[in-house]
């Protein structure tokens, strides 16, 4: 499954798309299903052993601008 997930990430698929595609392609095979949260965790959590090639994080979409704290003063 790891090689399938890495191949889809290399094609710029989002983790949500990959998780949905796996559920449709392997509906009865629980071993071929993973949540999008698990894909994100394997990419970004430094405590986990490297399950997915972390260089693929550069392929993730970044449509949303960087979040910055909203300093409202004392409202």
N, C-alpha and C. Protein backbone atom coordinates (compact mmCIF):
# COMPACT_ATOMS: atom_id res chain seq x y z
N UNK A 1 0.82 -1.18 0.00
CA UNK A 1 0.00 0.00 0.00
C UNK A 1 0.87 1.25 0.00
N UNK A 2 2.02 1.20 0.69
CA UNK A 2 2.89 2.37 0.76
C UNK A 2 3.30 2.83 -0.63
N UNK A 3 3.65 1.92 -1.50
CA UNK A 3 4.08 2.31 -2.84
C UNK A 3 2.94 2.95 -3.63
N UNK A 4 1.72 2.49 -3.42
CA UNK A 4 0.56 3.09 -4.09
C UNK A 4 0.35 4.51 -3.59
N UNK A 5 0.42 4.71 -2.28
CA UNK A 5 0.23 6.04 -1.71
C UNK A 5 1.33 6.98 -2.18
N UNK A 6 2.58 6.53 -2.19
CA UNK A 6 3.67 7.36 -2.66
C UNK A 6 3.52 7.72 -4.13
N UNK A 7 3.06 6.78 -4.94
CA UNK A 7 2.87 7.05 -6.37
C UNK A 7 1.78 8.11 -6.58
N UNK A 8 0.70 8.01 -5.81
CA UNK A 8 -0.38 9.00 -5.95
C UNK A 8 0.07 10.37 -5.44
N UNK A 9 0.84 10.42 -4.35
CA UNK A 9 1.37 11.70 -3.87
C UNK A 9 2.30 12.32 -4.91
N UNK A 10 3.09 11.49 -5.59
CA UNK A 10 3.99 11.99 -6.63
C UNK A 10 3.22 12.59 -7.80
N UNK A 11 1.97 12.13 -7.98
CA UNK A 11 1.11 12.68 -9.05
C UNK A 11 0.29 13.87 -8.56
N UNK A 12 0.65 14.38 -7.38
CA UNK A 12 -0.02 15.55 -6.78
C UNK A 12 -1.45 15.28 -6.34
N UNK A 13 -1.75 14.04 -5.98
CA UNK A 13 -3.05 13.72 -5.40
C UNK A 13 -3.03 14.15 -3.94
N UNK A 14 -4.16 14.60 -3.44
CA UNK A 14 -4.24 14.94 -2.02
C UNK A 14 -4.46 13.66 -1.20
N UNK A 15 -4.09 13.69 0.08
CA UNK A 15 -4.35 12.51 0.92
C UNK A 15 -5.83 12.13 0.96
N UNK A 16 -6.73 13.11 0.89
CA UNK A 16 -8.16 12.81 0.86
C UNK A 16 -8.53 12.05 -0.41
N UNK A 17 -7.98 12.46 -1.55
CA UNK A 17 -8.25 11.76 -2.80
C UNK A 17 -7.71 10.35 -2.76
N UNK A 18 -6.53 10.17 -2.21
CA UNK A 18 -5.91 8.84 -2.14
C UNK A 18 -6.74 7.91 -1.26
N UNK A 19 -7.15 8.40 -0.09
CA UNK A 19 -7.95 7.57 0.81
C UNK A 19 -9.27 7.16 0.16
N UNK A 20 -9.93 8.09 -0.51
CA UNK A 20 -11.18 7.78 -1.20
C UNK A 20 -10.98 6.80 -2.34
N UNK A 21 -9.93 6.98 -3.11
CA UNK A 21 -9.63 6.09 -4.22
C UNK A 21 -9.36 4.67 -3.73
N UNK A 22 -8.60 4.55 -2.63
CA UNK A 22 -8.33 3.22 -2.08
C UNK A 22 -9.61 2.54 -1.62
N UNK A 23 -10.52 3.30 -1.00
CA UNK A 23 -11.80 2.70 -0.56
C UNK A 23 -12.61 2.21 -1.75
N UNK A 24 -12.57 2.95 -2.86
CA UNK A 24 -13.33 2.52 -4.05
C UNK A 24 -12.67 1.36 -4.77
N UNK A 25 -11.34 1.35 -4.84
CA UNK A 25 -10.62 0.30 -5.56
C UNK A 25 -10.59 -1.03 -4.80
N UNK A 26 -10.57 -0.96 -3.48
CA UNK A 26 -10.47 -2.17 -2.65
C UNK A 26 -11.57 -2.15 -1.59
N UNK A 27 -12.84 -2.25 -2.01
CA UNK A 27 -13.93 -2.09 -1.05
C UNK A 27 -13.98 -3.16 0.04
N UNK A 28 -13.55 -4.36 -0.23
CA UNK A 28 -13.64 -5.41 0.76
C UNK A 28 -12.33 -5.69 1.48
N UNK A 29 -11.26 -5.02 1.08
CA UNK A 29 -9.93 -5.29 1.63
C UNK A 29 -9.54 -4.20 2.62
N UNK A 30 -9.70 -4.48 3.90
CA UNK A 30 -9.42 -3.49 4.94
C UNK A 30 -7.92 -3.17 4.98
N UNK A 31 -7.07 -4.10 4.58
CA UNK A 31 -5.63 -3.85 4.63
C UNK A 31 -5.18 -2.84 3.58
N UNK A 32 -6.02 -2.53 2.60
CA UNK A 32 -5.69 -1.55 1.56
C UNK A 32 -6.44 -0.24 1.77
N UNK A 33 -6.95 -0.01 2.96
CA UNK A 33 -7.67 1.23 3.25
C UNK A 33 -6.94 1.98 4.36
N UNK A 34 -6.86 3.29 4.19
CA UNK A 34 -6.17 4.14 5.16
C UNK A 34 -6.88 5.49 5.17
N UNK A 35 -6.87 6.15 6.31
CA UNK A 35 -7.51 7.47 6.39
C UNK A 35 -6.54 8.54 5.90
N UNK A 36 -7.09 9.66 5.49
CA UNK A 36 -6.22 10.75 5.05
C UNK A 36 -5.40 11.30 6.21
N UNK A 37 -5.95 11.20 7.43
CA UNK A 37 -5.20 11.65 8.60
C UNK A 37 -3.94 10.81 8.79
N UNK A 38 -4.04 9.51 8.56
CA UNK A 38 -2.89 8.63 8.70
C UNK A 38 -1.81 8.98 7.66
N UNK A 39 -2.23 9.36 6.47
CA UNK A 39 -1.26 9.76 5.45
C UNK A 39 -0.54 11.04 5.87
N UNK A 40 -1.31 12.02 6.35
CA UNK A 40 -0.69 13.26 6.82
C UNK A 40 0.26 13.00 7.99
N UNK A 41 -0.15 12.15 8.93
CA UNK A 41 0.71 11.85 10.07
C UNK A 41 2.02 11.20 9.63
N UNK A 42 1.93 10.29 8.69
CA UNK A 42 3.16 9.61 8.25
C UNK A 42 4.08 10.56 7.51
N UNK A 43 3.54 11.64 6.97
CA UNK A 43 4.38 12.62 6.28
C UNK A 43 4.99 13.65 7.23
N UNK A 44 4.24 14.08 8.24
CA UNK A 44 4.65 15.24 9.02
C UNK A 44 5.05 14.96 10.46
N UNK A 45 4.66 13.87 11.05
CA UNK A 45 4.96 13.63 12.46
C UNK A 45 6.40 13.13 12.60
N UNK A 46 7.28 13.92 13.21
CA UNK A 46 8.69 13.51 13.30
C UNK A 46 8.94 12.34 14.24
N UNK A 47 7.99 12.03 15.13
CA UNK A 47 8.18 10.91 16.07
C UNK A 47 7.93 9.56 15.42
N UNK A 48 7.18 9.55 14.34
CA UNK A 48 6.87 8.28 13.68
C UNK A 48 8.05 7.86 12.81
N UNK A 49 8.21 6.57 12.67
CA UNK A 49 9.25 6.12 11.75
C UNK A 49 8.82 6.50 10.34
N UNK A 50 9.76 6.70 9.50
CA UNK A 50 9.46 7.21 8.16
C UNK A 50 8.76 6.13 7.34
N UNK A 51 7.44 6.24 7.25
CA UNK A 51 6.65 5.27 6.50
C UNK A 51 6.52 5.69 5.05
N UNK A 52 6.39 6.99 4.82
CA UNK A 52 6.24 7.52 3.47
C UNK A 52 7.37 8.50 3.23
N UNK A 53 7.89 8.54 2.03
CA UNK A 53 8.97 9.44 1.67
C UNK A 53 8.56 10.89 1.92
N UNK A 54 9.24 11.55 2.85
CA UNK A 54 8.87 12.90 3.26
C UNK A 54 9.12 13.95 2.19
N UNK A 55 9.93 13.63 1.19
CA UNK A 55 10.13 14.60 0.11
C UNK A 55 8.85 14.81 -0.69
N UNK A 56 7.89 13.91 -0.53
CA UNK A 56 6.61 14.05 -1.24
C UNK A 56 5.74 15.15 -0.64
N UNK A 57 6.11 15.70 0.51
CA UNK A 57 5.33 16.80 1.07
C UNK A 57 5.36 18.02 0.16
N UNK A 58 6.39 18.14 -0.65
CA UNK A 58 6.47 19.26 -1.58
C UNK A 58 5.42 19.15 -2.68
N UNK A 59 4.88 17.96 -2.89
CA UNK A 59 3.85 17.75 -3.91
C UNK A 59 2.45 18.05 -3.41
N UNK A 60 2.28 18.22 -2.10
CA UNK A 60 0.95 18.50 -1.57
C UNK A 60 0.49 19.87 -2.02
N UNK A 61 -0.79 19.99 -2.18
CA UNK A 61 -1.36 21.26 -2.60
C UNK A 61 -1.28 22.28 -1.47
N UNK A 62 -1.03 23.50 -1.82
CA UNK A 62 -1.00 24.57 -0.84
C UNK A 62 -1.87 25.71 -1.33
N UNK A 63 -3.13 25.43 -1.56
CA UNK A 63 -4.04 26.44 -2.10
C UNK A 63 -4.37 27.50 -1.05
N UNK A 64 -4.38 27.11 0.21
CA UNK A 64 -4.72 28.05 1.26
C UNK A 64 -3.46 28.82 1.67
N UNK A 65 -3.58 30.12 1.87
CA UNK A 65 -2.41 30.87 2.30
C UNK A 65 -1.97 30.46 3.70
N UNK A 66 -0.76 30.78 4.05
CA UNK A 66 -0.25 30.47 5.37
C UNK A 66 -1.11 31.15 6.42
N UNK A 67 -1.40 30.45 7.48
CA UNK A 67 -2.19 31.04 8.56
C UNK A 67 -1.28 31.87 9.45
N UNK A 68 -1.79 33.01 9.82
CA UNK A 68 -1.06 33.88 10.74
C UNK A 68 -1.98 34.23 11.89
N UNK A 69 -1.44 34.39 13.09
CA UNK A 69 -2.29 34.73 14.23
C UNK A 69 -2.96 36.09 14.02
N UNK A 70 -4.18 36.16 14.45
CA UNK A 70 -4.95 37.39 14.32
C UNK A 70 -4.81 38.17 15.61
N UNK A 71 -4.01 39.20 15.60
CA UNK A 71 -3.77 40.01 16.79
C UNK A 71 -4.80 41.13 16.85
N UNK A 72 -5.84 40.91 17.65
CA UNK A 72 -6.94 41.87 17.72
C UNK A 72 -6.73 42.94 18.79
N UNK A 73 -5.66 42.87 19.51
CA UNK A 73 -5.44 43.88 20.53
C UNK A 73 -6.12 43.47 21.83
N UNK A 74 -7.08 44.09 22.29
CA UNK A 74 -7.74 43.71 23.53
C UNK A 74 -9.25 43.73 23.39
N UNK A 75 -9.76 43.37 22.25
CA UNK A 75 -11.20 43.41 22.04
C UNK A 75 -11.90 42.39 22.83
